[in-house]
PDB file of all heavy atoms in Angstrom:
ATOM      1  N   ILE A   1       0.852  -1.173   0.042  1.00  0.00           N
ATOM      2  CA  ILE A   1       0.029  -0.100  -0.087  1.00  0.00           C
ATOM      3  C   ILE A   1       0.931   1.281   0.035  1.00  0.00           C
ATOM      4  O   ILE A   1       0.598   2.236  -0.714  1.00  0.00           O
ATOM      5  CB  ILE A   1      -0.967  -0.075   1.195  1.00  0.00           C
ATOM      6  CG1 ILE A   1      -2.128  -1.098   1.058  1.00  0.00           C
ATOM      7  CG2 ILE A   1      -1.627   1.318   1.308  1.00  0.00           C
ATOM      8  CD1 ILE A   1      -2.874  -1.344   2.215  1.00  0.00           C
ATOM      9  N   LEU A   2       1.978   1.203   0.701  1.00  0.00           N
ATOM     10  CA  LEU A   2       2.895   2.362   0.801  1.00  0.00           C
ATOM     11  C   LEU A   2       3.399   2.614  -0.606  1.00  0.00           C
ATOM     12  O   LEU A   2       3.603   3.745  -1.025  1.00  0.00           O
ATOM     13  CB  LEU A   2       4.044   1.946   1.790  1.00  0.00           C
ATOM     14  CG  LEU A   2       4.864   3.102   2.287  1.00  0.00           C
ATOM     15  CD1 LEU A   2       3.868   4.169   2.921  1.00  0.00           C
ATOM     16  CD2 LEU A   2       5.934   2.672   3.299  1.00  0.00           C
ATOM     17  N   PHE A   3       3.810   1.604  -1.368  1.00  0.00           N
ATOM     18  CA  PHE A   3       4.358   1.778  -2.702  1.00  0.00           C
ATOM     19  C   PHE A   3       3.297   2.197  -3.660  1.00  0.00           C
ATOM     20  O   PHE A   3       3.492   3.051  -4.576  1.00  0.00           O
ATOM     21  CB  PHE A   3       5.016   0.414  -3.277  1.00  0.00           C
ATOM     22  CG  PHE A   3       6.339   0.245  -2.796  1.00  0.00           C
ATOM     23  CD1 PHE A   3       6.774  -0.798  -1.843  1.00  0.00           C
ATOM     24  CD2 PHE A   3       7.451   1.076  -3.229  1.00  0.00           C
ATOM     25  CE1 PHE A   3       7.988  -0.954  -1.359  1.00  0.00           C
ATOM     26  CE2 PHE A   3       8.760   0.797  -2.820  1.00  0.00           C
ATOM     27  CZ  PHE A   3       9.067  -0.084  -1.817  1.00  0.00           C
ATOM     28  N   GLU A   4       2.092   1.829  -3.411  1.00  0.00           N
ATOM     29  CA  GLU A   4       0.935   2.410  -4.214  1.00  0.00           C
ATOM     30  C   GLU A   4       0.826   3.840  -3.982  1.00  0.00           C
ATOM     31  O   GLU A   4       0.541   4.658  -4.902  1.00  0.00           O
ATOM     32  CB  GLU A   4      -0.356   1.682  -4.003  1.00  0.00           C
ATOM     33  CG  GLU A   4      -0.376   0.173  -4.495  1.00  0.00           C
ATOM     34  CD  GLU A   4      -1.516  -0.592  -3.961  1.00  0.00           C
ATOM     35  OE1 GLU A   4      -2.544  -0.053  -3.362  1.00  0.00           O
ATOM     36  OE2 GLU A   4      -1.484  -1.846  -4.079  1.00  0.00           O
ATOM     37  N   GLN A   5       0.992   4.282  -2.733  1.00  0.00           N
ATOM     38  CA  GLN A   5       0.926   5.684  -2.373  1.00  0.00           C
ATOM     39  C   GLN A   5       1.983   6.469  -3.040  1.00  0.00           C
ATOM     40  O   GLN A   5       1.839   7.622  -3.460  1.00  0.00           O
ATOM     41  CB  GLN A   5       0.942   5.871  -0.875  1.00  0.00           C
ATOM     42  CG  GLN A   5      -0.332   5.369  -0.188  1.00  0.00           C
ATOM     43  CD  GLN A   5      -0.196   5.336   1.301  1.00  0.00           C
ATOM     44  OE1 GLN A   5       0.951   5.524   1.858  1.00  0.00           O
ATOM     45  NE2 GLN A   5      -1.350   5.128   1.911  1.00  0.00           N
ATOM     46  N   ALA A   6       3.133   5.822  -3.139  1.00  0.00           N
ATOM     47  CA  ALA A   6       4.406   6.539  -3.742  1.00  0.00           C
ATOM     48  C   ALA A   6       4.115   6.722  -5.226  1.00  0.00           C
ATOM     49  O   ALA A   6       4.581   7.740  -5.719  1.00  0.00           O
ATOM     50  CB  ALA A   6       5.591   5.695  -3.503  1.00  0.00           C
ATOM     51  N   LEU A   7       3.414   5.829  -5.779  1.00  0.00           N
ATOM     52  CA  LEU A   7       3.075   5.977  -7.247  1.00  0.00           C
ATOM     53  C   LEU A   7       2.220   7.154  -7.522  1.00  0.00           C
ATOM     54  O   LEU A   7       2.285   7.758  -8.638  1.00  0.00           O
ATOM     55  CB  LEU A   7       2.278   4.638  -7.777  1.00  0.00           C
ATOM     56  CG  LEU A   7       3.138   3.472  -8.166  1.00  0.00           C
ATOM     57  CD1 LEU A   7       2.207   2.188  -8.357  1.00  0.00           C
ATOM     58  CD2 LEU A   7       3.971   3.785  -9.449  1.00  0.00           C
ATOM     59  N   LYS A   8       1.411   7.519  -6.538  1.00  0.00           N
ATOM     60  CA  LYS A   8       0.530   8.703  -6.828  1.00  0.00           C
ATOM     61  C   LYS A   8       1.189  10.025  -6.368  1.00  0.00           C
ATOM     62  O   LYS A   8       0.568  11.112  -6.452  1.00  0.00           O
ATOM     63  CB  LYS A   8      -0.706   8.479  -5.925  1.00  0.00           C
ATOM     64  CG  LYS A   8      -1.521   7.225  -6.362  1.00  0.00           C
ATOM     65  CD  LYS A   8      -2.796   7.014  -5.425  1.00  0.00           C
ATOM     66  CE  LYS A   8      -3.404   5.669  -5.902  1.00  0.00           C
ATOM     67  NZ  LYS A   8      -4.444   5.248  -4.934  1.00  0.00           N
ATOM     68  N   SER A   9       2.265   9.922  -5.665  1.00  0.00           N
ATOM     69  CA  SER A   9       2.983  11.206  -5.278  1.00  0.00           C
ATOM     70  C   SER A   9       3.897  11.698  -6.299  1.00  0.00           C
ATOM     71  O   SER A   9       4.719  11.104  -6.935  1.00  0.00           O
ATOM     72  CB  SER A   9       3.865  10.618  -3.951  1.00  0.00           C
ATOM     73  OG  SER A   9       4.700  11.684  -3.602  1.00  0.00           O
ATOM     74  N   PRO A  10       3.887  13.033  -6.422  1.00  0.00           N
ATOM     75  CA  PRO A  10       4.820  13.754  -7.393  1.00  0.00           C
ATOM     76  C   PRO A  10       6.313  13.525  -6.957  1.00  0.00           C
ATOM     77  O   PRO A  10       7.215  13.591  -7.776  1.00  0.00           O
ATOM     78  CB  PRO A  10       4.479  15.170  -7.218  1.00  0.00           C
ATOM     79  CG  PRO A  10       3.383  15.301  -6.280  1.00  0.00           C
ATOM     80  CD  PRO A  10       2.940  14.000  -5.819  1.00  0.00           C
ATOM     81  N   ARG A  11       6.546  13.275  -5.678  1.00  0.00           N
ATOM     82  CA  ARG A  11       7.813  13.161  -5.124  1.00  0.00           C
ATOM     83  C   ARG A  11       8.322  11.628  -5.230  1.00  0.00           C
ATOM     84  O   ARG A  11       9.559  11.254  -5.000  1.00  0.00           O
ATOM     85  CB  ARG A  11       7.944  13.469  -3.618  1.00  0.00           C
ATOM     86  CG  ARG A  11       7.700  15.003  -3.443  1.00  0.00           C
ATOM     87  CD  ARG A  11       7.884  15.494  -2.015  1.00  0.00           C
ATOM     88  NE  ARG A  11       7.467  14.469  -1.040  1.00  0.00           N
ATOM     89  CZ  ARG A  11       7.835  14.447   0.230  1.00  0.00           C
ATOM     90  NH1 ARG A  11       8.735  15.423   0.664  1.00  0.00           N
ATOM     91  NH2 ARG A  11       7.485  13.594   0.962  1.00  0.00           N
ATOM     92  N   LYS A  12       7.478  10.737  -5.727  1.00  0.00           N
ATOM     93  CA  LYS A  12       7.747   9.372  -5.951  1.00  0.00           C
ATOM     94  C   LYS A  12       8.113   8.611  -4.594  1.00  0.00           C
ATOM     95  O   LYS A  12       8.980   7.785  -4.663  1.00  0.00           O
ATOM     96  CB  LYS A  12       8.720   9.126  -7.043  1.00  0.00           C
ATOM     97  CG  LYS A  12       8.378   9.699  -8.379  1.00  0.00           C
ATOM     98  CD  LYS A  12       9.555   9.411  -9.407  1.00  0.00           C
ATOM     99  CE  LYS A  12       9.191   9.953 -10.728  1.00  0.00           C
ATOM    100  NZ  LYS A  12      10.209   9.768 -11.704  1.00  0.00           N
ATOM    101  N   ARG A  13       7.486   9.064  -3.521  1.00  0.00           N
ATOM    102  CA  ARG A  13       7.833   8.377  -2.260  1.00  0.00           C
ATOM    103  C   ARG A  13       6.623   8.593  -1.285  1.00  0.00           C
ATOM    104  O   ARG A  13       5.849   9.480  -1.524  1.00  0.00           O
ATOM    105  CB  ARG A  13       9.073   8.909  -1.627  1.00  0.00           C
ATOM    106  CG  ARG A  13       9.254  10.404  -1.319  1.00  0.00           C
ATOM    107  CD  ARG A  13      10.710  10.721  -0.791  1.00  0.00           C
ATOM    108  NE  ARG A  13      10.855  12.031  -0.470  1.00  0.00           N
ATOM    109  CZ  ARG A  13      11.335  12.907  -1.336  1.00  0.00           C
ATOM    110  NH1 ARG A  13      11.694  12.496  -2.614  1.00  0.00           N
ATOM    111  NH2 ARG A  13      11.450  14.148  -0.993  1.00  0.00           N
ATOM    112  N   ALA A  14       6.619   7.803  -0.341  1.00  0.00           N
ATOM    113  CA  ALA A  14       5.496   7.799   0.735  1.00  0.00           C
ATOM    114  C   ALA A  14       6.154   7.272   2.046  1.00  0.00           C
ATOM    115  O   ALA A  14       7.044   6.431   2.029  1.00  0.00           O
ATOM    116  CB  ALA A  14       4.346   6.912   0.251  1.00  0.00           C
ATOM    117  N   HIS A  15       5.468   7.740   3.085  1.00  0.00           N
ATOM    118  CA  HIS A  15       6.025   7.570   4.490  1.00  0.00           C
ATOM    119  C   HIS A  15       4.951   6.686   5.205  1.00  0.00           C
ATOM    120  O   HIS A  15       3.727   6.958   5.075  1.00  0.00           O
ATOM    121  CB  HIS A  15       6.182   8.831   5.302  1.00  0.00           C
ATOM    122  CG  HIS A  15       7.318   9.604   4.655  1.00  0.00           C
ATOM    123  ND1 HIS A  15       7.815  10.859   5.157  1.00  0.00           N
ATOM    124  CD2 HIS A  15       8.108   9.405   3.571  1.00  0.00           C
ATOM    125  CE1 HIS A  15       8.717  11.257   4.483  1.00  0.00           C
ATOM    126  NE2 HIS A  15       9.017  10.526   3.553  1.00  0.00           N
ATOM    127  N   LEU A  16       5.330   5.893   6.011  1.00  0.00           N
ATOM    128  CA  LEU A  16       4.525   5.103   7.086  1.00  0.00           C
ATOM    129  C   LEU A  16       5.029   5.394   8.374  1.00  0.00           C
ATOM    130  O   LEU A  16       6.221   4.720   8.761  1.00  0.00           O
ATOM    131  CB  LEU A  16       4.283   3.636   6.689  1.00  0.00           C
ATOM    132  CG  LEU A  16       3.718   2.796   7.773  1.00  0.00           C
ATOM    133  CD1 LEU A  16       2.302   3.216   7.937  1.00  0.00           C
ATOM    134  CD2 LEU A  16       3.850   1.318   7.441  1.00  0.00           C
ATOM    135  N   ASN A  17       4.622   6.191   9.249  1.00  0.00           N
ATOM    136  CA  ASN A  17       5.184   6.552  10.552  1.00  0.00           C
ATOM    137  C   ASN A  17       4.845   5.433  11.501  1.00  0.00           C
ATOM    138  O   ASN A  17       3.699   4.956  11.580  1.00  0.00           O
ATOM    139  CB  ASN A  17       4.542   7.790  11.111  1.00  0.00           C
ATOM    140  CG  ASN A  17       4.963   9.083  10.356  1.00  0.00           C
ATOM    141  OD1 ASN A  17       6.033   8.991   9.626  1.00  0.00           O
ATOM    142  ND2 ASN A  17       4.288  10.195  10.517  1.00  0.00           N
ATOM    143  N   LEU A  18       5.893   4.946  12.211  1.00  0.00           N
ATOM    144  CA  LEU A  18       5.706   3.868  13.179  1.00  0.00           C
ATOM    145  C   LEU A  18       5.545   4.522  14.586  1.00  0.00           C
ATOM    146  O   LEU A  18       5.082   3.848  15.500  1.00  0.00           O
ATOM    147  CB  LEU A  18       6.900   2.887  13.132  1.00  0.00           C
ATOM    148  CG  LEU A  18       7.173   2.283  11.728  1.00  0.00           C
ATOM    149  CD1 LEU A  18       8.370   1.424  11.767  1.00  0.00           C
ATOM    150  CD2 LEU A  18       5.932   1.549  11.239  1.00  0.00           C
ATOM    151  N   HIS A  19       6.091   5.669  14.671  1.00  0.00           N
ATOM    152  CA  HIS A  19       5.921   6.371  16.014  1.00  0.00           C
ATOM    153  C   HIS A  19       4.545   6.963  16.209  1.00  0.00           C
ATOM    154  O   HIS A  19       3.741   7.106  15.178  1.00  0.00           O
ATOM    155  CB  HIS A  19       6.887   7.558  16.181  1.00  0.00           C
ATOM    156  CG  HIS A  19       7.115   8.486  14.964  1.00  0.00           C
ATOM    157  ND1 HIS A  19       7.755   8.075  13.731  1.00  0.00           N
ATOM    158  CD2 HIS A  19       6.387   9.607  14.746  1.00  0.00           C
ATOM    159  CE1 HIS A  19       7.667   9.002  13.010  1.00  0.00           C
ATOM    160  NE2 HIS A  19       6.797  10.046  13.388  1.00  0.00           N
ATOM    161  N   THR A  20       4.128   7.180  17.360  1.00  0.00           N
ATOM    162  CA  THR A  20       2.643   7.546  17.592  1.00  0.00           C
ATOM    163  C   THR A  20       2.513   9.012  17.658  1.00  0.00           C
ATOM    164  O   THR A  20       1.275   9.460  17.525  1.00  0.00           O
ATOM    165  CB  THR A  20       2.102   6.903  18.996  1.00  0.00           C
ATOM    166  OG1 THR A  20       3.009   7.292  20.001  1.00  0.00           O
ATOM    167  CG2 THR A  20       2.121   5.426  18.784  1.00  0.00           C
ATOM    168  N   SER A  21       3.535   9.728  17.752  1.00  0.00           N
ATOM    169  CA  SER A  21       3.499  11.216  18.026  1.00  0.00           C
ATOM    170  C   SER A  21       4.861  11.830  17.493  1.00  0.00           C
ATOM    171  O   SER A  21       5.852  11.208  17.576  1.00  0.00           O
ATOM    172  CB  SER A  21       3.198  11.539  19.438  1.00  0.00           C
ATOM    173  OG  SER A  21       3.522  12.927  19.651  1.00  0.00           O
ATOM    174  N   PHE A  22       4.751  13.041  16.912  1.00  0.00           N
ATOM    175  CA  PHE A  22       5.885  13.869  16.584  1.00  0.00           C
ATOM    176  C   PHE A  22       6.706  14.198  17.727  1.00  0.00           C
ATOM    177  O   PHE A  22       7.925  14.566  17.567  1.00  0.00           O
ATOM    178  CB  PHE A  22       5.605  15.002  15.694  1.00  0.00           C
ATOM    179  CG  PHE A  22       4.992  14.714  14.254  1.00  0.00           C
ATOM    180  CD1 PHE A  22       4.072  15.452  13.764  1.00  0.00           C
ATOM    181  CD2 PHE A  22       5.728  13.646  13.612  1.00  0.00           C
ATOM    182  CE1 PHE A  22       3.631  15.087  12.400  1.00  0.00           C
ATOM    183  CE2 PHE A  22       5.266  13.364  12.386  1.00  0.00           C
ATOM    184  CZ  PHE A  22       4.156  14.150  11.816  1.00  0.00           C
ATOM    185  N   ASP A  23       6.130  13.987  18.967  1.00  0.00           N
ATOM    186  CA  ASP A  23       6.812  14.342  20.220  1.00  0.00           C
ATOM    187  C   ASP A  23       7.615  13.143  20.770  1.00  0.00           C
ATOM    188  O   ASP A  23       8.413  13.295  21.695  1.00  0.00           O
ATOM    189  CB  ASP A  23       5.740  14.795  21.325  1.00  0.00           C
ATOM    190  CG  ASP A  23       5.282  16.124  21.009  1.00  0.00           C
ATOM    191  OD1 ASP A  23       5.921  16.966  20.483  1.00  0.00           O
ATOM    192  OD2 ASP A  23       4.001  16.284  21.292  1.00  0.00           O
ATOM    193  N   ASP A  24       7.449  11.899  20.059  1.00  0.00           N
ATOM    194  CA  ASP A  24       8.155  10.680  20.520  1.00  0.00           C
ATOM    195  C   ASP A  24       9.677  10.938  20.555  1.00  0.00           C
ATOM    196  O   ASP A  24      10.190  11.638  19.571  1.00  0.00           O
ATOM    197  CB  ASP A  24       7.866   9.537  19.711  1.00  0.00           C
ATOM    198  CG  ASP A  24       6.337   9.000  19.993  1.00  0.00           C
ATOM    199  OD1 ASP A  24       5.732   9.515  20.898  1.00  0.00           O
ATOM    200  OD2 ASP A  24       6.018   7.965  19.392  1.00  0.00           O
ATOM    201  N   LYS A  25      10.368  10.395  21.578  1.00  0.00           N
ATOM    202  CA  LYS A  25      11.843  10.635  21.605  1.00  0.00           C
ATOM    203  C   LYS A  25      12.526   9.998  20.348  1.00  0.00           C
ATOM    204  O   LYS A  25      13.596  10.417  19.999  1.00  0.00           O
ATOM    205  CB  LYS A  25      12.378  10.058  22.801  1.00  0.00           C
ATOM    206  CG  LYS A  25      13.858  10.415  23.018  1.00  0.00           C
ATOM    207  CD  LYS A  25      14.273  10.322  24.618  1.00  0.00           C
ATOM    208  CE  LYS A  25      15.656  10.474  24.658  1.00  0.00           C
ATOM    209  NZ  LYS A  25      16.297  11.808  24.316  1.00  0.00           N
ATOM    210  N   VAL A  26      11.940   8.844  19.899  1.00  0.00           N
ATOM    211  CA  VAL A  26      12.565   8.166  18.733  1.00  0.00           C
ATOM    212  C   VAL A  26      11.575   8.152  17.652  1.00  0.00           C
ATOM    213  O   VAL A  26      10.513   7.679  17.903  1.00  0.00           O
ATOM    214  CB  VAL A  26      12.999   6.825  19.152  1.00  0.00           C
ATOM    215  CG1 VAL A  26      13.721   6.058  17.912  1.00  0.00           C
ATOM    216  CG2 VAL A  26      13.990   6.785  20.205  1.00  0.00           C
ATOM    217  N   GLN A  27      11.895   8.801  16.436  1.00  0.00           N
ATOM    218  CA  GLN A  27      11.087   8.775  15.315  1.00  0.00           C
ATOM    219  C   GLN A  27      11.328   7.653  14.437  1.00  0.00           C
ATOM    220  O   GLN A  27      12.596   7.478  14.120  1.00  0.00           O
ATOM    221  CB  GLN A  27      11.156  10.150  14.587  1.00  0.00           C
ATOM    222  CG  GLN A  27      11.057  11.281  15.493  1.00  0.00           C
ATOM    223  CD  GLN A  27       9.490  11.548  15.712  1.00  0.00           C
ATOM    224  OE1 GLN A  27       8.628  11.747  14.764  1.00  0.00           O
ATOM    225  NE2 GLN A  27       9.095  11.550  17.018  1.00  0.00           N
ATOM    226  N   ARG A  28      10.500   6.766  14.036  1.00  0.00           N
ATOM    227  CA  ARG A  28      10.762   5.665  13.136  1.00  0.00           C
ATOM    228  C   ARG A  28       9.645   5.601  12.063  1.00  0.00           C
ATOM    229  O   ARG A  28       8.445   5.781  12.208  1.00  0.00           O
ATOM    230  CB  ARG A  28      10.541   4.372  13.976  1.00  0.00           C
ATOM    231  CG  ARG A  28      11.487   4.319  15.137  1.00  0.00           C
ATOM    232  CD  ARG A  28      11.044   3.375  16.401  1.00  0.00           C
ATOM    233  NE  ARG A  28       9.761   3.158  16.660  1.00  0.00           N
ATOM    234  CZ  ARG A  28       8.825   3.875  17.330  1.00  0.00           C
ATOM    235  NH1 ARG A  28       9.395   5.017  17.950  1.00  0.00           N
ATOM    236  NH2 ARG A  28       7.596   3.510  17.608  1.00  0.00           N
TER     237      ARG A  28
END
């Protein structure tokens, strides 16, 4: 699904955040 999203993106990439918040000490 992530690669399908990348196909639709002008930047040719897509992100899947594994962290629950941008405040998390470790961003994954």
